[in-house]
Amino acid sequence: MTEHQIIAAPVFPAETLARMATLYPAQAGLLHHFLPDHPLLSLEALALLAESLPASQVEYNPGDVPIGIRPEDVPSNGLSIGQTIRTIDTNRSWAVLKNIESDAAYRSLLMNLLGELRPVVEPRTGAMLTPQGFIFVSSPGSITPFHFDPEHNILLQLRGAKMMNVWPAGDERFAHRREHERYHSGGHRNLPWHDDYHNAAQQVPLAPGDAVLMPVMAPHFVTNGDAPSVSLSITWRSEWSYRESEAHAANAALRRMGLDPAMPPRWPGYAWAKTIGWRIARKLRLVS
């Protein structure tokens, strides 16, 4: 087995692709995968990858943090990223390696997996743009705080167990339009948390061989089980997701002008004029 090992059998079974076809792109849900043990995904390989990545592609901190925490309040765990991954069993930490596709071997793995999904994805949201991969390594009991992400995403659980807690994308009860505007204007992904959100959560338990489909901008937080966890997140963008981002960024500009724009619709075909206007304004450097 080599770093560039070709996975001979399909990773996503036919029933998973059929299930995804009923969910994508708007609903979260449980899927399954057959990704075998792979040398690129061992803890030592991940530690070496992390040590080779620039600081901007690595994020790690103590895992025993509140569900809702401001980014500036997240403390350091006092370790290097390599130490964090190699001792993840006991150091009560959480780490993510971002944009693993910058490494050729990991890009090959990512593109193989995304290629299996293309027949389901492209008829619904068009070309799979900006493929990116993320790897999460978590200590027992760690928490990934409440946040949202701009990508279409499938997270594959490889080791350990975790609970994904998800809320509907685009529902202002859980992420107000101002939070979207803040994020799409360069803000952090973390969201304000209220304990009464718990009752509306969709809970998706994940064990090795499970995966979860996550819609664009669906608020969520993650709690790890009682063993170390390794998860692989494979993501892509679509013209839809970019147009939604641009609609929120345009709204942020309108809000700075003293207006109170409405939440863009989930399918930004209905906000086409606003997103085109935003693109023109950026080209003319009328907005930053």
Protein backbone atom coordinates (compact mmCIF):
# COMPACT_ATOMS: atom_id res chain seq x y z
CA MET A 1 0.00 0.00 0.00
CA THR A 2 1.46 3.34 -1.03
CA GLU A 3 0.58 6.94 -0.43
CA HIS A 4 -0.95 7.14 -3.89
CA GLN A 5 -2.86 3.90 -3.49
CA ILE A 6 -5.85 3.68 -5.81
CA ILE A 7 -9.04 2.61 -4.04
CA ALA A 8 -10.31 -0.20 -6.23
CA ALA A 9 -13.90 -0.53 -4.99
CA PRO A 10 -16.44 2.31 -4.74
CA VAL A 11 -16.32 4.14 -1.41
CA PHE A 12 -19.97 5.21 -1.56
CA PRO A 13 -22.43 2.32 -2.04
CA ALA A 14 -25.38 2.62 -4.42
CA GLU A 15 -27.87 3.03 -1.58
CA THR A 16 -25.86 5.99 -0.23
CA LEU A 17 -25.94 7.72 -3.62
CA ALA A 18 -29.69 7.10 -3.81
CA ARG A 19 -30.15 8.50 -0.30
CA MET A 20 -28.03 11.52 -1.15
CA ALA A 21 -30.18 12.16 -4.21
CA THR A 22 -33.20 12.59 -1.92
CA LEU A 23 -31.36 14.97 0.46
CA TYR A 24 -29.01 17.08 -1.63
CA PRO A 25 -28.59 20.01 -1.53
CA ALA A 26 -30.96 21.25 1.17
CA GLN A 27 -31.18 18.59 3.90
CA ALA A 28 -28.71 17.04 6.33
CA GLY A 29 -28.75 13.27 6.68
CA LEU A 30 -26.91 10.06 7.47
CA LEU A 31 -24.96 8.31 4.71
CA HIS A 32 -22.47 5.43 4.65
CA HIS A 33 -19.05 4.81 3.16
CA PHE A 34 -16.54 2.01 2.61
CA LEU A 35 -13.33 4.04 2.75
CA PRO A 36 -10.71 1.47 3.78
CA ASP A 37 -7.80 2.01 6.13
CA HIS A 38 -5.48 4.24 4.17
CA PRO A 39 -1.85 5.16 4.93
CA LEU A 40 -2.59 8.85 4.37
CA LEU A 41 -5.11 8.81 7.20
CA SER A 42 -3.06 7.26 10.01
CA LEU A 43 -2.27 9.53 12.96
CA GLU A 44 1.43 9.61 12.11
CA ALA A 45 0.73 10.51 8.48
CA LEU A 46 -1.63 13.25 9.61
CA ALA A 47 0.94 14.60 12.09
CA LEU A 48 3.53 14.76 9.30
CA LEU A 49 1.05 16.46 6.97
CA ALA A 50 0.13 18.99 9.65
CA GLU A 51 3.78 19.83 10.28
CA SER A 52 4.26 20.47 6.55
CA LEU A 53 1.27 22.79 6.17
CA PRO A 54 1.46 26.58 6.61
CA ALA A 55 -0.01 27.94 9.82
CA SER A 56 -3.04 29.28 7.95
CA GLN A 57 -4.07 25.71 7.11
CA VAL A 58 -3.95 24.41 10.68
CA GLU A 59 -6.26 25.16 13.59
CA TYR A 60 -6.10 23.46 16.99
CA ASN A 61 -7.05 24.19 20.56
CA PRO A 62 -8.38 22.54 23.73
CA GLY A 63 -11.42 20.41 23.01
CA ASP A 64 -13.23 21.04 26.28
CA VAL A 65 -14.69 24.39 25.27
CA PRO A 66 -18.29 25.68 25.45
CA ILE A 67 -20.67 24.99 22.56
CA GLY A 68 -20.87 28.73 21.93
CA ILE A 69 -17.52 30.51 22.26
CA ARG A 70 -16.14 33.62 20.62
CA PRO A 71 -13.06 32.91 18.48
CA GLU A 72 -10.98 35.36 20.48
CA ASP A 73 -11.81 33.46 23.68
CA VAL A 74 -10.52 30.07 22.46
CA PRO A 75 -7.34 29.26 24.43
CA SER A 76 -4.18 27.52 23.26
CA ASN A 77 -3.51 23.92 24.26
CA GLY A 78 0.21 24.63 24.75
CA LEU A 79 1.35 22.01 22.23
CA SER A 80 2.60 22.00 18.65
CA ILE A 81 0.26 20.66 15.97
CA GLY A 82 2.39 17.52 15.59
CA GLN A 83 2.30 16.87 19.34
CA THR A 84 -1.44 17.52 19.39
CA ILE A 85 -2.16 14.83 16.79
CA ARG A 86 0.33 12.26 18.09
CA THR A 87 -1.04 12.48 21.65
CA ILE A 88 -4.71 13.07 20.76
CA ASP A 89 -5.75 10.12 22.96
CA THR A 90 -4.90 12.03 26.15
CA ASN A 91 -4.38 15.77 25.50
CA ARG A 92 -8.09 16.80 25.42
CA SER A 93 -7.69 18.74 22.17
CA TRP A 94 -9.29 19.30 18.79
CA ALA A 95 -7.50 19.94 15.49
CA VAL A 96 -8.42 20.55 11.87
CA LEU A 97 -6.11 20.39 8.85
CA LYS A 98 -7.49 22.65 6.14
CA ASN A 99 -7.18 22.51 2.37
CA ILE A 100 -5.38 19.18 2.37
CA GLU A 101 -5.66 19.24 -1.43
CA SER A 102 -2.54 21.44 -1.41
CA ASP A 103 -0.66 18.13 -0.98
CA ALA A 104 -0.69 16.07 -4.19
CA ALA A 105 -1.39 12.72 -2.53
CA TYR A 106 -4.31 14.05 -0.51
CA ARG A 107 -5.66 15.89 -3.53
CA SER A 108 -5.74 12.60 -5.44
CA LEU A 109 -7.70 10.96 -2.62
CA LEU A 110 -10.12 13.90 -2.45
CA MET A 111 -10.77 13.98 -6.19
CA ASN A 112 -11.38 10.22 -6.32
CA LEU A 113 -14.07 10.56 -3.65
CA LEU A 114 -15.72 13.60 -5.21
CA GLY A 115 -15.73 11.88 -8.57
CA GLU A 116 -18.10 9.22 -7.18
CA LEU A 117 -20.56 11.94 -6.15
CA ARG A 118 -20.61 13.90 -9.40
CA PRO A 119 -23.56 12.02 -10.99
CA VAL A 120 -25.74 13.01 -8.02
CA VAL A 121 -24.42 16.55 -7.50
CA GLU A 122 -24.12 18.08 -10.95
CA PRO A 123 -27.74 17.57 -12.13
CA ARG A 124 -28.87 19.48 -9.02
CA THR A 125 -26.34 22.26 -8.43
CA GLY A 126 -24.11 22.20 -11.50
CA ALA A 127 -20.35 21.83 -11.68
CA MET A 128 -18.45 20.90 -8.51
CA LEU A 129 -16.31 23.98 -8.00
CA THR A 130 -13.35 24.59 -5.65
CA PRO A 131 -12.85 21.07 -4.25
CA GLN A 132 -11.37 21.16 -0.76
CA GLY A 133 -10.62 18.63 1.97
CA PHE A 134 -10.42 18.97 5.75
CA ILE A 135 -9.34 16.44 8.37
CA PHE A 136 -10.58 16.64 11.96
CA VAL A 137 -8.72 14.95 14.81
CA SER A 138 -10.41 15.08 18.22
CA SER A 139 -9.76 13.84 21.74
CA PRO A 140 -12.44 11.95 23.70
CA GLY A 141 -15.21 14.27 24.84
CA SER A 142 -14.10 17.26 22.78
CA ILE A 143 -16.51 19.78 21.26
CA THR A 144 -16.44 21.66 17.96
CA PRO A 145 -18.32 24.90 18.72
CA PHE A 146 -21.54 26.08 17.07
CA HIS A 147 -20.76 27.40 13.57
CA PHE A 148 -21.62 27.22 9.88
CA ASP A 149 -19.63 26.68 6.66
CA PRO A 150 -20.06 27.90 3.06
CA GLU A 151 -19.36 24.60 1.31
CA HIS A 152 -21.42 21.60 0.30
CA ASN A 153 -19.92 18.97 2.59
CA ILE A 154 -19.86 15.26 3.31
CA LEU A 155 -18.04 14.29 6.50
CA LEU A 156 -16.78 10.69 6.63
CA GLN A 157 -16.19 9.22 10.08
CA LEU A 158 -13.01 7.10 10.07
CA ARG A 159 -12.17 6.45 13.73
CA GLY A 160 -14.13 6.87 16.95
CA ALA A 161 -17.67 8.20 17.23
CA LYS A 162 -19.26 11.63 17.37
CA MET A 163 -22.66 13.29 17.37
CA MET A 164 -23.43 15.89 14.74
CA ASN A 165 -26.06 18.38 15.93
CA VAL A 166 -27.54 20.27 12.95
CA TRP A 167 -30.07 23.06 12.47
CA PRO A 168 -31.84 24.07 9.24
CA ALA A 169 -29.84 26.26 6.90
CA GLY A 170 -31.35 29.66 6.26
CA ASP A 171 -33.52 29.65 9.41
CA GLU A 172 -33.00 32.98 11.16
CA ARG A 173 -34.04 31.54 14.52
CA PHE A 174 -30.58 29.92 14.69
CA ALA A 175 -28.39 32.15 12.50
CA HIS A 176 -29.73 35.64 11.89
CA ARG A 177 -29.14 37.32 8.55
CA ARG A 178 -26.65 39.65 10.26
CA GLU A 179 -24.51 36.61 11.17
CA HIS A 180 -24.46 35.57 7.52
CA GLU A 181 -23.55 39.10 6.47
CA ARG A 182 -20.77 39.23 9.07
CA TYR A 183 -19.32 35.91 7.93
CA HIS A 184 -19.51 36.67 4.20
CA SER A 185 -17.79 40.00 4.84
CA GLY A 186 -14.75 38.27 6.35
CA GLY A 187 -15.95 37.33 9.85
CA HIS A 188 -15.37 34.10 11.76
CA ARG A 189 -17.59 31.03 11.26
CA ASN A 190 -18.55 30.67 14.97
CA LEU A 191 -22.12 31.63 15.86
CA PRO A 192 -23.86 32.93 19.00
CA TRP A 193 -25.36 30.05 20.99
CA HIS A 194 -28.53 29.86 23.11
CA ASP A 195 -29.39 26.80 25.19
CA ASP A 196 -32.96 26.72 23.90
CA TYR A 197 -31.62 25.79 20.45
CA HIS A 198 -31.14 22.21 21.69
CA ASN A 199 -34.79 21.25 21.21
CA ALA A 200 -34.70 21.98 17.46
CA ALA A 201 -31.51 20.03 16.67
CA GLN A 202 -31.35 17.21 14.16
CA GLN A 203 -28.94 14.73 15.73
CA VAL A 204 -26.89 12.49 13.44
CA PRO A 205 -24.76 9.90 15.28
CA LEU A 206 -21.59 8.87 13.45
CA ALA A 207 -19.42 5.78 13.84
CA PRO A 208 -16.69 4.45 11.51
CA GLY A 209 -18.32 3.78 8.14
CA ASP A 210 -20.92 6.50 8.64
CA ALA A 211 -21.01 9.87 6.91
CA VAL A 212 -23.21 12.94 7.07
CA LEU A 213 -24.33 15.26 4.31
CA MET A 214 -24.18 18.89 5.49
CA PRO A 215 -26.02 21.63 3.58
CA VAL A 216 -24.38 24.95 2.82
CA MET A 217 -24.50 27.26 5.88
CA ALA A 218 -26.37 24.80 8.12
CA PRO A 219 -25.54 25.73 11.75
CA HIS A 220 -24.05 22.82 13.68
CA PHE A 221 -21.84 21.73 16.52
CA VAL A 222 -20.11 18.41 17.15
CA THR A 223 -19.56 16.39 20.32
CA ASN A 224 -16.99 13.62 20.33
CA GLY A 225 -17.50 10.22 21.94
CA ASP A 226 -15.33 8.48 24.53
CA ALA A 227 -12.53 7.57 22.09
CA PRO A 228 -10.28 9.64 19.81
CA SER A 229 -11.93 10.59 16.54
CA VAL A 230 -10.65 11.08 12.99
CA SER A 231 -12.99 12.43 10.31
CA LEU A 232 -12.46 13.43 6.67
CA SER A 233 -14.57 16.25 5.26
CA ILE A 234 -14.84 16.44 1.46
CA THR A 235 -16.30 19.70 0.19
CA TRP A 236 -17.12 21.59 -2.97
CA ARG A 237 -18.77 24.84 -3.97
CA SER A 238 -21.43 25.48 -6.59
CA GLU A 239 -22.59 28.51 -8.52
CA TRP A 240 -25.54 28.45 -6.12
CA SER A 241 -23.32 28.60 -3.02
CA TYR A 242 -21.24 31.43 -4.47
CA ARG A 243 -24.34 33.41 -5.41
CA GLU A 244 -25.73 32.96 -1.90
CA SER A 245 -22.43 34.23 -0.44
CA GLU A 246 -22.50 37.25 -2.74
CA ALA A 247 -26.11 38.04 -1.84
CA HIS A 248 -25.19 38.12 1.88
CA ALA A 249 -22.09 40.23 1.16
CA ALA A 250 -24.24 42.64 -0.86
CA ASN A 251 -26.69 42.82 2.06
CA ALA A 252 -23.81 43.66 4.40
CA ALA A 253 -22.88 46.57 2.15
CA LEU A 254 -26.52 47.74 2.11
CA ARG A 255 -26.67 47.50 5.92
CA ARG A 256 -23.57 49.70 6.20
CA MET A 257 -25.54 52.25 4.17
CA GLY A 258 -28.28 52.25 6.83
CA LEU A 259 -30.72 49.82 5.18
CA ASP A 260 -32.14 46.59 6.63
CA PRO A 261 -32.14 44.11 3.71
CA ALA A 262 -34.18 40.91 3.86
CA MET A 263 -32.65 37.46 4.17
CA PRO A 264 -31.80 36.19 0.65
CA PRO A 265 -33.77 33.14 -0.51
CA ARG A 266 -32.04 29.80 -0.22
CA TRP A 267 -32.04 29.42 -3.99
CA PRO A 268 -30.29 32.62 -5.10
CA GLY A 269 -31.71 32.39 -8.61
CA TYR A 270 -34.28 34.72 -7.09
CA ALA A 271 -31.52 37.10 -5.99
CA TRP A 272 -29.75 37.14 -9.33
CA ALA A 273 -29.85 40.92 -9.75
CA LYS A 274 -28.31 41.45 -6.31
CA THR A 275 -25.48 38.97 -6.87
CA ILE A 276 -24.70 40.30 -10.35
CA GLY A 277 -24.70 43.81 -8.92
CA TRP A 278 -22.27 42.70 -6.22
CA ARG A 279 -19.90 41.20 -8.80
CA ILE A 280 -19.97 44.38 -10.88
CA ALA A 281 -19.41 46.56 -7.81
CA ARG A 282 -16.40 44.49 -6.78
CA LYS A 283 -14.88 44.68 -10.26
CA LEU A 284 -15.32 48.44 -10.21
CA ARG A 285 -13.90 48.51 -6.65
CA LEU A 286 -17.00 50.24 -5.36
CA VAL A 287 -17.06 47.85 -2.37
CA SER A 288 -14.30 46.05 -0.49
